[in-house]
Structure formats: structure tokens, C-alpha cells
Protein backbone atom coordinates (compact mmCIF):
# COMPACT_ATOMS: atom_id res chain seq x y z
CA MET A 1 -37.29 -26.74 4.85
CA ALA A 2 -35.33 -23.52 5.26
CA LYS A 3 -36.10 -20.76 2.76
CA TYR A 4 -32.64 -19.27 3.10
CA GLN A 5 -29.18 -20.36 4.14
CA LEU A 6 -28.63 -17.59 6.64
CA PRO A 7 -24.93 -16.90 7.24
CA ALA A 8 -23.94 -16.91 10.90
CA LEU A 9 -23.25 -13.40 12.15
CA LYS A 10 -19.63 -12.62 12.91
CA ASN A 11 -19.87 -9.55 15.14
CA GLU A 12 -20.55 -10.23 18.82
CA THR A 13 -22.49 -7.03 19.51
CA GLU A 14 -24.59 -7.45 16.37
CA PHE A 15 -25.33 -11.06 17.32
CA GLU A 16 -26.60 -10.01 20.76
CA GLU A 17 -28.79 -7.27 19.25
CA PHE A 18 -30.07 -9.75 16.67
CA ILE A 19 -31.06 -12.28 19.36
CA CYS A 20 -32.72 -9.53 21.41
CA ASP A 21 -34.77 -8.36 18.42
CA LEU A 22 -35.56 -11.93 17.44
CA PHE A 23 -37.03 -12.84 20.83
CA ASN A 24 -39.13 -9.69 20.85
CA GLU A 25 -40.51 -10.83 17.49
CA ILE A 26 -41.09 -14.38 18.73
CA GLU A 27 -42.93 -13.12 21.81
CA ASN A 28 -45.03 -10.96 19.47
CA THR A 29 -44.65 -7.87 21.61
CA GLU A 30 -46.87 -5.46 19.73
CA THR A 31 -46.40 -2.32 21.81
CA TYR A 32 -43.46 -0.34 23.10
CA THR A 33 -44.54 -1.02 26.66
CA ASN A 34 -44.47 -4.78 26.15
CA THR A 35 -41.12 -4.95 24.39
CA GLU A 36 -39.49 -6.71 27.28
CA PHE A 37 -36.30 -8.31 25.99
CA GLN A 38 -33.36 -5.98 26.59
CA LEU A 39 -29.60 -6.21 26.51
CA PHE A 40 -28.22 -6.76 30.01
CA GLY A 41 -25.55 -4.20 30.79
CA THR A 42 -22.63 -3.55 28.46
CA LYS A 43 -19.32 -5.18 27.65
CA GLY A 44 -16.82 -4.64 30.42
CA GLN A 45 -19.47 -4.80 33.12
CA ASN A 46 -20.20 -7.85 35.25
CA GLN A 47 -23.07 -9.34 33.25
CA LYS A 48 -23.45 -12.26 35.64
CA GLY A 49 -23.63 -14.88 32.90
CA ILE A 50 -26.38 -13.35 30.77
CA ASP A 51 -26.60 -10.98 27.80
CA ILE A 52 -30.37 -10.47 27.45
CA PHE A 53 -33.25 -10.57 29.91
CA SER A 54 -37.01 -10.11 30.16
CA LEU A 55 -38.50 -9.59 33.60
CA LYS A 56 -42.02 -9.91 32.23
CA THR A 57 -41.52 -13.30 30.58
CA LYS A 58 -38.95 -14.38 33.20
CA LYS A 59 -36.41 -15.44 30.58
CA VAL A 60 -32.67 -14.81 30.41
CA ILE A 61 -30.49 -15.44 27.37
CA GLN A 62 -26.76 -15.97 26.89
CA CYS A 63 -25.28 -15.42 23.43
CA LYS A 64 -22.32 -17.45 22.21
CA LEU A 65 -20.76 -16.22 18.98
CA LYS A 66 -18.21 -18.77 17.80
CA SER A 67 -15.66 -18.91 15.03
CA LEU A 68 -16.93 -21.79 12.89
CA LYS A 69 -13.59 -22.51 11.24
CA ARG A 70 -12.68 -24.94 14.02
CA LYS A 71 -13.66 -28.59 14.36
CA ASP A 72 -17.10 -29.42 15.76
CA GLU A 73 -15.64 -31.30 18.70
CA LEU A 74 -13.64 -28.29 19.82
CA LEU A 75 -16.65 -25.99 19.48
CA ARG A 76 -18.87 -28.44 21.36
CA LYS A 77 -16.43 -28.69 24.29
CA GLU A 78 -16.01 -24.92 24.39
CA ILE A 79 -19.75 -24.26 24.48
CA ILE A 80 -20.32 -26.84 27.22
CA SER A 81 -17.51 -25.26 29.21
CA ASP A 82 -19.09 -21.82 28.67
CA ILE A 83 -22.44 -23.13 29.86
CA ASP A 84 -20.93 -24.48 33.08
CA SER A 85 -19.12 -21.21 33.70
CA ASP A 86 -22.19 -19.07 33.04
CA LEU A 87 -24.37 -21.17 35.31
CA GLU A 88 -22.02 -20.32 38.17
CA LYS A 89 -22.17 -16.61 37.36
CA ILE A 90 -25.95 -16.66 37.06
CA LYS A 91 -26.23 -17.62 40.72
CA ASN A 92 -25.43 -13.97 41.49
CA LEU A 93 -28.42 -12.55 39.61
CA ASN A 94 -30.74 -10.60 41.90
CA PHE A 95 -33.98 -11.35 40.04
CA LYS A 96 -35.85 -14.60 39.44
CA PHE A 97 -36.33 -16.26 36.07
CA ASP A 98 -37.96 -19.45 34.81
CA ARG A 99 -36.01 -20.13 31.64
CA LEU A 100 -32.40 -19.83 30.53
CA ILE A 101 -31.59 -20.06 26.84
CA PHE A 102 -28.09 -20.45 25.44
CA THR A 103 -27.93 -19.25 21.83
CA SER A 104 -24.99 -19.84 19.52
CA THR A 105 -23.79 -19.36 15.97
CA PHE A 106 -22.75 -23.02 16.17
CA ARG A 107 -25.31 -25.41 14.69
CA ASP A 108 -27.95 -27.41 16.57
CA ASP A 109 -26.05 -30.18 18.30
CA ALA A 110 -27.54 -33.29 19.90
CA LYS A 111 -24.78 -33.65 22.50
CA ILE A 112 -25.12 -30.06 23.68
CA GLN A 113 -28.91 -30.39 23.74
CA GLU A 114 -28.70 -33.57 25.79
CA TYR A 115 -26.24 -31.90 28.15
CA VAL A 116 -28.48 -28.89 28.86
CA SER A 117 -31.52 -31.17 29.11
CA ASP A 118 -29.77 -33.08 31.88
CA LEU A 119 -28.81 -29.81 33.60
CA SER A 120 -32.39 -28.59 33.31
CA GLN A 121 -33.70 -31.60 35.22
CA LYS A 122 -31.36 -30.77 38.09
CA SER A 123 -32.12 -27.03 38.13
CA ASP A 124 -34.89 -24.83 39.44
CA PHE A 125 -35.37 -23.36 35.95
CA ASN A 126 -35.58 -24.70 32.39
CA ILE A 127 -32.42 -24.62 30.31
CA ASN A 128 -32.40 -24.75 26.50
CA TYR A 129 -29.83 -24.60 23.74
CA TRP A 130 -30.64 -22.86 20.46
CA GLY A 131 -28.10 -23.50 17.73
CA TRP A 132 -27.98 -21.58 14.47
CA ASP A 133 -30.44 -23.96 12.80
CA THR A 134 -33.17 -23.18 15.36
CA ILE A 135 -32.32 -19.48 15.36
CA SER A 136 -32.49 -19.33 11.55
CA LYS A 137 -35.85 -21.08 11.48
CA HIS A 138 -37.38 -18.40 13.69
CA ALA A 139 -35.56 -15.54 11.94
CA GLU A 140 -37.00 -16.60 8.58
CA GLU A 141 -40.50 -15.97 9.91
CA SER A 142 -39.79 -12.25 10.34
CA GLU A 143 -39.22 -10.10 7.27
CA THR A 144 -38.24 -7.25 9.59
CA ILE A 145 -35.42 -9.31 11.09
CA LEU A 146 -34.23 -10.56 7.71
CA LYS A 147 -34.11 -7.09 6.16
CA LYS A 148 -32.29 -5.63 9.16
CA TYR A 149 -29.62 -8.30 9.64
CA PHE A 150 -29.46 -10.04 6.25
CA PRO A 151 -30.21 -7.25 3.74
CA LYS A 152 -28.22 -8.95 0.98
CA LEU A 153 -31.00 -11.54 0.69
CA PHE A 154 -33.22 -8.90 -0.84
CA LYS A 155 -32.61 -7.46 -4.25
CA LYS A 156 -32.87 -3.71 -4.35
CA ALA A 157 -35.98 -2.82 -6.26
CA LYS A 158 -36.20 0.28 -8.39
CA THR A 159 -37.41 3.16 -6.30
CA GLN A 160 -41.01 3.98 -7.06
CA LYS A 161 -42.85 7.01 -5.81
CA ILE A 162 -45.52 5.86 -3.38
CA GLU A 163 -48.71 7.87 -3.40
CA LEU A 164 -50.06 8.31 0.10
CA PRO A 165 -53.82 8.05 0.60
CA GLU A 166 -55.95 11.17 0.77
CA ASN A 167 -56.35 12.51 4.32
CA SER A 168 -53.18 10.74 5.53
CA LEU A 169 -50.73 12.45 7.87
CA GLY A 170 -47.93 12.17 5.33
CA ARG A 171 -49.90 14.35 2.91
CA ASP A 172 -49.71 17.28 5.31
CA LEU A 173 -46.00 18.01 5.63
CA LEU A 174 -46.40 20.55 8.46
CA LYS A 175 -48.42 18.20 10.65
CA LYS A 176 -46.26 15.21 9.79
CA ASN A 177 -43.10 17.15 10.73
CA TYR A 178 -44.67 18.22 14.02
CA ALA A 179 -45.54 14.63 14.90
CA THR A 180 -41.97 13.60 14.02
CA TYR A 181 -40.63 16.40 16.24
CA LEU A 182 -42.72 15.19 19.21
CA ILE A 183 -41.74 11.55 18.68
CA LYS A 184 -38.07 12.51 18.60
CA ARG A 185 -38.43 14.68 21.70
CA TYR A 186 -40.00 11.79 23.63
CA GLY A 187 -37.43 9.25 22.42
CA ASP A 188 -34.45 11.49 23.18
CA TRP A 189 -35.67 12.29 26.68
CA LYS A 190 -36.62 8.69 27.40
CA GLN A 191 -33.13 7.62 26.33
CA ILE A 192 -31.65 9.87 29.02
CA GLU A 193 -33.54 7.79 31.63
CA LEU A 194 -32.64 4.45 30.07
CA ALA A 195 -28.96 5.36 29.74
CA ARG A 196 -28.73 5.45 33.53
CA LYS A 197 -29.63 1.74 33.47
CA ASN A 198 -27.33 1.01 30.49
CA GLU A 199 -30.36 0.41 28.29
CA LYS A 200 -31.37 1.79 24.90
CA PHE A 201 -34.63 3.31 23.75
CA ASN A 202 -36.26 1.06 21.14
CA TRP A 203 -37.29 3.48 18.38
CA ALA A 204 -38.71 0.75 16.14
CA SER A 205 -40.93 -0.63 18.88
CA PHE A 206 -42.26 2.80 19.86
CA ASN A 207 -43.09 3.62 16.23
CA LYS A 208 -44.82 0.25 16.00
CA HIS A 209 -46.79 1.12 19.12
CA ILE A 210 -47.93 4.41 17.54
CA ILE A 211 -49.07 2.88 14.25
CA ASN A 212 -50.88 0.08 16.10
CA LYS A 213 -52.59 2.62 18.35
CA TYR A 214 -53.95 4.47 15.33
CA LYS A 215 -54.47 1.35 13.21
CA ALA A 216 -52.19 2.46 10.40
CA SER A 217 -49.48 0.76 8.35
CA GLY A 218 -47.01 3.54 9.08
CA ILE A 219 -46.71 7.00 10.64
CA ASN A 220 -47.39 8.65 7.28
CA TYR A 221 -50.57 6.60 6.90
CA ILE A 222 -52.24 7.74 10.14
CA HIS A 223 -55.50 9.50 9.27
CA ILE A 224 -55.20 13.27 9.48
CA ASN A 225 -58.26 13.38 11.77
CA HIS A 226 -56.10 11.73 14.46
CA PHE A 227 -53.50 14.50 14.38
CA GLU A 228 -54.69 16.45 17.43
CA ASN A 229 -55.15 13.25 19.45
CA LEU A 230 -51.73 11.99 18.36
CA ALA A 231 -50.05 15.27 19.32
CA ALA A 232 -51.79 15.30 22.71
CA TYR A 233 -50.77 11.68 23.35
CA LEU A 234 -47.13 12.32 22.48
CA LYS A 235 -47.07 15.45 24.65
CA SER A 236 -48.42 13.47 27.59
CA ARG A 237 -45.64 10.89 27.14
CA ILE A 238 -43.05 13.67 27.01
CA ASP A 239 -44.47 15.31 30.15
CA LYS A 240 -44.23 12.02 32.06
CA THR A 241 -40.51 11.56 31.40
CA ILE A 242 -38.10 12.55 34.16
CA MET A 243 -36.79 15.37 31.98
CA GLY A 244 -40.35 16.53 31.29
CA LYS A 245 -41.30 16.56 34.97
CA THR A 246 -38.08 18.36 35.91
CA ARG A 247 -38.59 21.10 33.31
CA THR A 248 -42.26 21.51 34.27
CA ASN A 249 -41.32 21.95 37.93
CA LYS A 250 -38.84 24.65 36.92
CA GLY A 251 -41.46 26.44 34.86
CA HIS A 252 -40.01 25.49 31.48
CA ARG A 253 -42.01 24.25 28.52
CA ASN A 254 -41.38 20.78 27.13
CA TYR A 255 -42.25 21.43 23.49
CA SER A 256 -43.35 24.06 21.00
CA THR A 257 -46.96 24.39 19.90
CA PHE A 258 -47.90 23.30 16.41
CA GLU A 259 -48.26 26.93 15.33
CA GLU A 260 -44.81 27.79 16.68
CA HIS A 261 -43.26 24.75 15.01
CA THR A 262 -44.69 25.72 11.62
CA GLU A 263 -42.92 29.08 12.03
CA GLY A 264 -39.62 27.40 12.86
CA ILE A 265 -39.81 28.08 16.60
CA THR A 266 -38.72 25.00 18.56
CA GLU A 267 -38.64 24.82 22.36
């Protein structure tokens, strides 16, 4: 039984981002490197019948946000028509995939499910339909997803000062700020690369990768003994970006030292 009655999202861009985040949660991608589901292009471009893709898992996803004020029969016919249209567009994709998933703010519907099941048997790839009931069931399993897209479900608790453990990074403001500076430098420079492919840097996933790497519950909770290793790791990631390599070849530095940063000197 559902814990919540999740309201269907009403913004098309938000719905696509929600589905992208949701599938990354479902696939349990624990590191930045393995966060494979990405938005495919941008509005106005030829998206070839898909909104989200993952080359690693060989899945593509099409998102169908619908106004639910209309009759079910009209919505059902419209979605089936959309599916047929998108299947034609998908033929122009230049990479292979094993599974196509149509997601919609319309509810789970037996007729649509039977229709895609029949299509799947005639295709070289599996085709599925996820209505809002199925989507909600999976979304409820992720507190991160719920808090990001359905914050009204959570009552705002009174702010309490959280005491960080002894020897945690967050206790040393200078070192914590330096780590934050390096993380931001890497993310900003990586975004320059991704922007050329109309993709976005996933800050949440990279932060998750860092805290998993150092077995902490958050950046502030990383043990202070890991500081030098953390800084060296982040610097190596910065150096490997296209911007980092370009600056190094020109004789420029990619970041300030910790000592310089504490004095307010930033490269």
C-alpha cells in the first residue's frame, strides 16, 4: 500500500529531471562515475524520441507529462499515439539499447500496458509503460527523491544545532573550506566539458561519490586525517579535466595551495 498520495508533477522539465534522478536511484548508482542516466539533449533539439538515456545499462526513457483534467479515454489514445510516433523517431538513434520505457503522469493503465507488451514482442528491444502508480511506488523508496520533488510531505522541524564529531573535517573550517573550493573547481570545470554535449554535471552524485570514498555520512563528517588524501584526490580530478590539461600545458596553475587559500589567495 502506498505511504503517500504523490501528486503528479505539472512541469515538463521537472518531470524529466525527476525521472532521471529516480532511475539513478533505482539502479543504485553509488558513485559519480556510475551515474549513467542523463537527460538527452535539450528542448528544441531533435531528441529522436527519447528524453533520458543510459549507455551503460542500455536503457532509453521517454517522459510523457499529461494534463489529467481530461477523460481517461482521451489520455489513453494520446499516449498510444505518442508511443507510435516516438518509436518511429527512435529508429534514428545512433546507439544501441535493450529497453525502452515510456513514463507518464497518467496512471497505470491495462490497455496501454497490453499495447506496449504487444509491441515489445515484435521489436528487437523490450518496451515498458510506467504510469504514475508505478513511478510513485519507486519514488516512495527514496527519501532523497521525496524531499527534492515533494518537500511539502515533510514538516519542517525546528532547526537544531548539530554537533560534529571530534576530528571531523567540518570542525576545521579552514580545511573544510579548502575542500569545498576544490570540489567547486572540479565541478565548474567538468561542467564546461559536459555543456558541449548538452549535459549537466551531477553535483549530488559527485558529493555522494566523495562521502562513499571516505566512508562518511557527509563531507563535514570525513575524518580530518583524510584531508591531505582528499585534497590530492580532488586536485588529480581537476588536473584531468580538459580545462586543467589546457592550463597545465600553458604553464598555469589549476588551484591554490592550502596555505594560499587560508590567506585568501585563490588561483
